[in-house]
Amino acid sequence: MKAETPAAGNRSSLVEFGRRVRELREQAGLTQAEVAAASGITRAALSTIEAGKRDLGVSRLAGLAAALGIEPGELFPVDESTTEH
């Protein structure tokens, strides 16, 4: 998988996405190596995704979600300030 450099405007979104991926992985009790193997990406790629330095790409979302045992939409952080209560 070729590394994609995020545009400046997407950087904060990638950081938040990466934090969410790491949070979900840790909640599942999985290592980066386990998730990477199950999702078809390298451990190094997963590390850079979790660090917010790499764009995962839409084609890899389903595999990552399946590896974590969640629905793809759960990968995206929820902005509590924009949700209705």
C-alpha atoms as a PDB file:
ATOM      1  CA  MET A   1       0.000   0.000   0.000  1.00  0.00           C
ATOM      2  CA  LYS A   2       1.484   3.329  -1.045  1.00  0.00           C
ATOM      3  CA  ALA A   3       1.725   5.997   1.657  1.00  0.00           C
ATOM      4  CA  GLU A   4      -0.525   8.967   1.060  1.00  0.00           C
ATOM      5  CA  THR A   5       0.491  12.323   2.484  1.00  0.00           C
ATOM      6  CA  PRO A   6      -2.496  14.107   4.036  1.00  0.00           C
ATOM      7  CA  ALA A   7      -3.427  17.598   2.909  1.00  0.00           C
ATOM      8  CA  ALA A   8      -3.155  20.238   5.636  1.00  0.00           C
ATOM      9  CA  GLY A   9      -6.939  20.434   6.065  1.00  0.00           C
ATOM     10  CA  ASN A  10      -7.262  16.688   6.507  1.00  0.00           C
ATOM     11  CA  ARG A  11      -4.491  16.393   9.095  1.00  0.00           C
ATOM     12  CA  SER A  12      -6.684  16.899  12.157  1.00  0.00           C
ATOM     13  CA  SER A  13      -9.275  14.471  10.776  1.00  0.00           C
ATOM     14  CA  LEU A  14      -6.584  11.850  10.258  1.00  0.00           C
ATOM     15  CA  VAL A  15      -5.275  12.362  13.787  1.00  0.00           C
ATOM     16  CA  GLU A  16      -8.760  11.900  15.246  1.00  0.00           C
ATOM     17  CA  PHE A  17      -9.377   8.861  13.037  1.00  0.00           C
ATOM     18  CA  GLY A  18      -6.068   7.354  14.121  1.00  0.00           C
ATOM     19  CA  ARG A  19      -6.865   7.911  17.783  1.00  0.00           C
ATOM     20  CA  ARG A  20     -10.212   6.184  17.279  1.00  0.00           C
ATOM     21  CA  VAL A  21      -8.601   3.206  15.544  1.00  0.00           C
ATOM     22  CA  ARG A  22      -6.055   2.839  18.367  1.00  0.00           C
ATOM     23  CA  GLU A  23      -8.801   3.172  21.003  1.00  0.00           C
ATOM     24  CA  LEU A  24     -10.925   0.478  19.359  1.00  0.00           C
ATOM     25  CA  ARG A  25      -7.918  -1.815  18.891  1.00  0.00           C
ATOM     26  CA  GLU A  26      -6.934  -1.479  22.533  1.00  0.00           C
ATOM     27  CA  GLN A  27     -10.531  -2.026  23.688  1.00  0.00           C
ATOM     28  CA  ALA A  28     -10.555  -5.242  21.663  1.00  0.00           C
ATOM     29  CA  GLY A  29      -7.313  -6.316  23.351  1.00  0.00           C
ATOM     30  CA  LEU A  30      -5.504  -6.661  20.022  1.00  0.00           C
ATOM     31  CA  THR A  31      -1.966  -5.797  18.990  1.00  0.00           C
ATOM     32  CA  GLN A  32      -1.141  -3.787  15.920  1.00  0.00           C
ATOM     33  CA  ALA A  33       0.320  -6.937  14.370  1.00  0.00           C
ATOM     34  CA  GLU A  34      -2.912  -8.891  14.949  1.00  0.00           C
ATOM     35  CA  VAL A  35      -5.123  -6.172  13.459  1.00  0.00           C
ATOM     36  CA  ALA A  36      -2.773  -5.611  10.549  1.00  0.00           C
ATOM     37  CA  ALA A  37      -2.671  -9.296   9.659  1.00  0.00           C
ATOM     38  CA  ALA A  38      -6.444  -9.650   9.890  1.00  0.00           C
ATOM     39  CA  SER A  39      -7.111  -6.517   7.825  1.00  0.00           C
ATOM     40  CA  GLY A  40      -4.538  -7.055   5.080  1.00  0.00           C
ATOM     41  CA  ILE A  41      -2.294  -4.079   5.831  1.00  0.00           C
ATOM     42  CA  THR A  42       1.188  -4.015   7.303  1.00  0.00           C
ATOM     43  CA  ARG A  43       1.831  -3.322  10.959  1.00  0.00           C
ATOM     44  CA  ALA A  44       3.934  -0.320   9.940  1.00  0.00           C
ATOM     45  CA  ALA A  45       1.021   1.064   7.905  1.00  0.00           C
ATOM     46  CA  LEU A  46      -1.348   0.589  10.845  1.00  0.00           C
ATOM     47  CA  SER A  47       1.111   2.386  13.089  1.00  0.00           C
ATOM     48  CA  THR A  48       1.209   5.416  10.781  1.00  0.00           C
ATOM     49  CA  ILE A  49      -2.590   5.372  10.489  1.00  0.00           C
ATOM     50  CA  GLU A  50      -2.927   5.386  14.290  1.00  0.00           C
ATOM     51  CA  ALA A  51      -0.432   8.266  14.432  1.00  0.00           C
ATOM     52  CA  GLY A  52      -2.555  10.288  12.004  1.00  0.00           C
ATOM     53  CA  LYS A  53       0.224  10.353   9.423  1.00  0.00           C
ATOM     54  CA  ARG A  54      -1.373   8.155   6.787  1.00  0.00           C
ATOM     55  CA  ASP A  55      -4.694   8.085   4.993  1.00  0.00           C
ATOM     56  CA  LEU A  56      -6.169   4.595   5.190  1.00  0.00           C
ATOM     57  CA  GLY A  57      -8.213   4.843   1.999  1.00  0.00           C
ATOM     58  CA  VAL A  58     -11.807   3.790   1.583  1.00  0.00           C
ATOM     59  CA  SER A  59     -10.935   0.402   0.109  1.00  0.00           C
ATOM     60  CA  ARG A  60      -9.294  -0.669   3.390  1.00  0.00           C
ATOM     61  CA  LEU A  61     -11.993   0.517   5.824  1.00  0.00           C
ATOM     62  CA  ALA A  62     -14.109  -2.635   5.664  1.00  0.00           C
ATOM     63  CA  GLY A  63     -11.113  -4.901   6.302  1.00  0.00           C
ATOM     64  CA  LEU A  64      -9.944  -2.833   9.250  1.00  0.00           C
ATOM     65  CA  ALA A  65     -13.444  -2.763  10.746  1.00  0.00           C
ATOM     66  CA  ALA A  66     -13.807  -6.524  10.317  1.00  0.00           C
ATOM     67  CA  ALA A  67     -10.432  -7.093  11.976  1.00  0.00           C
ATOM     68  CA  LEU A  68     -11.620  -5.043  14.956  1.00  0.00           C
ATOM     69  CA  GLY A  69     -15.005  -6.804  15.033  1.00  0.00           C
ATOM     70  CA  ILE A  70     -16.985  -3.596  14.458  1.00  0.00           C
ATOM     71  CA  GLU A  71     -19.084  -1.894  11.795  1.00  0.00           C
ATOM     72  CA  PRO A  72     -17.134   0.491   9.501  1.00  0.00           C
ATOM     73  CA  GLY A  73     -19.016   3.535  10.808  1.00  0.00           C
ATOM     74  CA  GLU A  74     -17.698   2.889  14.303  1.00  0.00           C
ATOM     75  CA  LEU A  75     -14.198   3.787  13.074  1.00  0.00           C
ATOM     76  CA  PHE A  76     -15.148   7.428  12.856  1.00  0.00           C
ATOM     77  CA  PRO A  77     -15.013   9.550  16.002  1.00  0.00           C
ATOM     78  CA  VAL A  78     -18.268  11.129  17.096  1.00  0.00           C
ATOM     79  CA  ASP A  79     -18.179  14.877  17.630  1.00  0.00           C
ATOM     80  CA  GLU A  80     -20.318  15.235  20.755  1.00  0.00           C
ATOM     81  CA  SER A  81     -20.811  18.953  20.101  1.00  0.00           C
ATOM     82  CA  THR A  82     -22.736  18.246  16.904  1.00  0.00           C
ATOM     83  CA  THR A  83     -24.953  15.376  18.060  1.00  0.00           C
ATOM     84  CA  GLU A  84     -28.498  15.919  19.267  1.00  0.00           C
ATOM     85  CA  HIS A  85     -29.262  14.948  22.851  1.00  0.00           C
END
